[in-house]
Amino acid sequence: MSLTRRAALALALAALPALSITPAMAADSVVKVSLWDKGDMSMDTLGKVPPMGFAMVGAAEKDKTATMGVTVTPDAVPAGKVTFEVTNDSKGTIHEMIVSPVKDMSTPLPYIDDEMRVDEDAAGHLGEVSELDPGASGALTLNLKPGSYILFCNIPGHYVLGMWTLFTVK
């Protein structure tokens, strides 16, 4: 079977849209998230150290003194569908993971002092893996646009003890 020049051209033109769609069909991203703490004594520093929430006065000390944290691998992914596979690596503490956009890198998330937690609605809550028992896992899939995001635990006191991390979508 042979193709005429006209048929070959028509076939090539028909294939062009598929070629332009290919990048949008890139593989979805998977991010491994570890929610961790340093054991039963993790809450002992609450109120004794400056608050280590994002852009708060003690945030610069987070990597040195935090007794709780969130670790992600990788810490940046392309825009599109992102699945966060979350594991609570604590031996005895319930944790959760919430995703919110970061609009301004110098502005702390809205924090409710009396409740020792972030105001999730005001922070732009996009989704969460709620209250995981120690050793438990969960997942959250979001369609994310380019920008900066924060992943944090909002169990009372955990956020200001350093239980957050920044995440980038390119």
Protein backbone atom coordinates (compact mmCIF):
# COMPACT_ATOMS: atom_id res chain seq x y z
CA MET A 1 0.00 0.00 0.00
CA SER A 2 1.38 3.39 -0.89
CA LEU A 3 0.30 6.80 0.31
CA THR A 4 -0.15 9.72 -1.96
CA ARG A 5 1.58 12.93 -1.03
CA ARG A 6 -1.81 14.44 -0.17
CA ALA A 7 -2.73 11.50 2.12
CA ALA A 8 0.66 11.64 3.85
CA LEU A 9 0.25 15.38 4.44
CA ALA A 10 -3.27 14.89 5.82
CA LEU A 11 -1.99 12.15 8.15
CA ALA A 12 0.85 14.35 9.38
CA LEU A 13 -1.52 17.27 10.02
CA ALA A 14 -3.89 14.98 11.92
CA ALA A 15 -1.02 13.86 14.17
CA LEU A 16 0.07 17.41 15.10
CA PRO A 17 -2.55 17.95 17.83
CA ALA A 18 -1.49 14.71 19.51
CA LEU A 19 2.11 15.90 19.57
CA SER A 20 1.18 19.19 21.18
CA ILE A 21 -0.86 17.42 23.86
CA THR A 22 1.92 15.06 24.88
CA PRO A 23 3.59 17.39 27.47
CA ALA A 24 0.25 17.90 29.24
CA MET A 25 -0.06 14.15 29.54
CA ALA A 26 3.18 13.89 31.49
CA ALA A 27 3.19 11.43 34.35
CA ASP A 28 1.50 12.51 37.55
CA SER A 29 3.81 13.43 40.44
CA VAL A 30 4.06 11.45 43.67
CA VAL A 31 5.47 13.09 46.78
CA LYS A 32 6.45 11.05 49.84
CA VAL A 33 5.62 12.89 53.06
CA SER A 34 6.94 11.94 56.50
CA LEU A 35 5.29 13.39 59.61
CA TRP A 36 7.77 12.97 62.45
CA ASP A 37 8.48 13.95 66.04
CA LYS A 38 11.13 13.30 68.66
CA GLY A 39 8.93 11.20 70.93
CA ASP A 40 6.91 11.80 74.07
CA MET A 41 8.90 14.89 75.05
CA SER A 42 8.14 16.70 71.76
CA MET A 43 5.47 18.97 73.28
CA ASP A 44 7.66 19.94 76.27
CA THR A 45 9.13 22.99 74.51
CA LEU A 46 5.70 24.48 73.67
CA GLY A 47 5.68 28.02 75.07
CA LYS A 48 9.36 27.80 76.07
CA VAL A 49 10.80 28.60 72.64
CA PRO A 50 9.75 31.28 70.16
CA PRO A 51 7.01 30.06 67.80
CA MET A 52 8.58 28.34 64.80
CA GLY A 53 5.64 28.60 62.38
CA PHE A 54 6.30 29.83 58.85
CA ALA A 55 7.60 33.45 58.88
CA MET A 56 7.19 33.64 62.69
CA VAL A 57 9.94 34.97 64.98
CA GLY A 58 11.42 31.54 65.70
CA ALA A 59 11.19 30.12 62.16
CA ALA A 60 14.92 30.59 61.54
CA GLU A 61 15.64 28.20 64.44
CA LYS A 62 13.32 25.47 63.14
CA ASP A 63 16.03 23.27 61.63
CA LYS A 64 18.04 23.37 64.87
CA THR A 65 15.40 23.13 67.58
CA ALA A 66 12.16 21.74 66.14
CA THR A 67 10.87 18.66 67.96
CA MET A 68 8.37 17.90 65.19
CA GLY A 69 8.52 18.23 61.44
CA VAL A 70 7.37 17.43 57.93
CA THR A 71 9.80 16.00 55.38
CA VAL A 72 8.97 15.72 51.66
CA THR A 73 10.68 13.92 48.79
CA PRO A 74 10.92 15.51 46.29
CA ASP A 75 10.39 19.11 47.45
CA ALA A 76 9.47 20.37 43.95
CA VAL A 77 7.33 18.92 41.15
CA PRO A 78 5.84 20.10 37.84
CA ALA A 79 2.36 21.62 37.80
CA GLY A 80 -0.54 19.20 37.48
CA LYS A 81 -1.81 16.25 39.43
CA VAL A 82 0.21 15.69 42.62
CA THR A 83 -0.38 12.79 44.99
CA PHE A 84 0.97 13.19 48.51
CA GLU A 85 1.64 9.78 50.08
CA VAL A 86 1.71 10.63 53.79
CA THR A 87 3.08 8.48 56.64
CA ASN A 88 2.93 9.33 60.32
CA ASP A 89 6.36 8.14 61.44
CA SER A 90 5.69 9.00 65.08
CA LYS A 91 5.74 6.24 67.69
CA GLY A 92 2.98 7.75 69.83
CA THR A 93 1.51 11.00 68.49
CA ILE A 94 -1.33 11.67 66.05
CA HIS A 95 -0.37 13.98 63.17
CA GLU A 96 -2.05 15.33 60.02
CA MET A 97 -0.97 17.07 56.83
CA ILE A 98 -2.69 20.13 55.39
CA VAL A 99 -1.78 21.83 52.10
CA SER A 100 -2.20 25.60 51.65
CA PRO A 101 -0.78 28.07 49.12
CA VAL A 102 1.85 30.57 50.25
CA LYS A 103 0.90 33.98 48.90
CA ASP A 104 3.68 36.01 50.54
CA MET A 105 6.95 34.50 51.77
CA SER A 106 7.28 37.10 54.53
CA THR A 107 3.77 36.82 56.00
CA PRO A 108 2.98 34.17 58.65
CA LEU A 109 -0.07 32.00 58.19
CA PRO A 110 -3.13 33.26 60.12
CA TYR A 111 -2.71 31.75 63.59
CA ILE A 112 -5.32 31.42 66.35
CA ASP A 113 -3.28 31.79 69.56
CA ASP A 114 -6.03 30.60 71.92
CA GLU A 115 -6.46 27.38 69.93
CA MET A 116 -2.73 26.96 69.11
CA ARG A 117 -3.51 26.27 65.45
CA VAL A 118 -3.60 27.84 61.99
CA ASP A 119 -6.92 29.23 60.76
CA GLU A 120 -7.20 26.76 57.88
CA ASP A 121 -9.92 28.61 55.97
CA ALA A 122 -8.06 31.94 56.11
CA ALA A 123 -4.84 30.16 55.05
CA GLY A 124 -6.49 28.86 51.87
CA HIS A 125 -6.78 25.17 52.88
CA LEU A 126 -6.63 23.06 49.68
CA GLY A 127 -6.88 19.58 51.19
CA GLU A 128 -5.62 17.36 53.96
CA VAL A 129 -4.86 13.91 55.27
CA SER A 130 -6.59 14.10 58.64
CA GLU A 131 -5.39 12.81 61.98
CA LEU A 132 -3.23 9.80 61.23
CA ASP A 133 -2.54 7.46 64.12
CA PRO A 134 1.13 6.60 64.73
CA GLY A 135 2.41 4.39 61.92
CA ALA A 136 -0.64 5.01 59.73
CA SER A 137 -0.62 6.28 56.15
CA GLY A 138 -2.96 8.19 53.88
CA ALA A 139 -2.96 9.96 50.54
CA LEU A 140 -4.19 13.20 49.03
CA THR A 141 -4.30 14.08 45.32
CA LEU A 142 -4.54 17.70 44.20
CA ASN A 143 -4.26 19.48 40.87
CA LEU A 144 -1.67 22.18 41.67
CA LYS A 145 -0.66 25.26 39.69
CA PRO A 146 2.87 26.71 39.76
CA GLY A 147 3.68 28.40 43.04
CA SER A 148 4.79 27.91 46.64
CA TYR A 149 2.82 25.78 49.05
CA ILE A 150 3.11 24.89 52.72
CA LEU A 151 2.46 21.45 54.18
CA PHE A 152 1.77 21.54 57.91
CA CYS A 153 0.29 19.68 60.86
CA ASN A 154 -2.51 21.58 62.56
CA ILE A 155 -2.94 19.45 65.67
CA PRO A 156 -2.84 22.08 68.48
CA GLY A 157 0.73 23.22 69.14
CA HIS A 158 2.41 21.17 66.42
CA TYR A 159 2.70 23.94 63.80
CA VAL A 160 4.48 26.39 66.14
CA LEU A 161 6.85 23.61 67.20
CA GLY A 162 8.11 23.50 63.60
CA MET A 163 5.83 20.93 61.98
CA TRP A 164 5.71 22.41 58.48
CA THR A 165 7.69 22.55 55.26
CA LEU A 166 7.59 24.50 52.02
CA PHE A 167 6.88 22.80 48.72
CA THR A 168 7.30 24.16 45.17
CA VAL A 169 5.25 23.48 42.06
CA LYS A 170 7.03 24.58 38.87
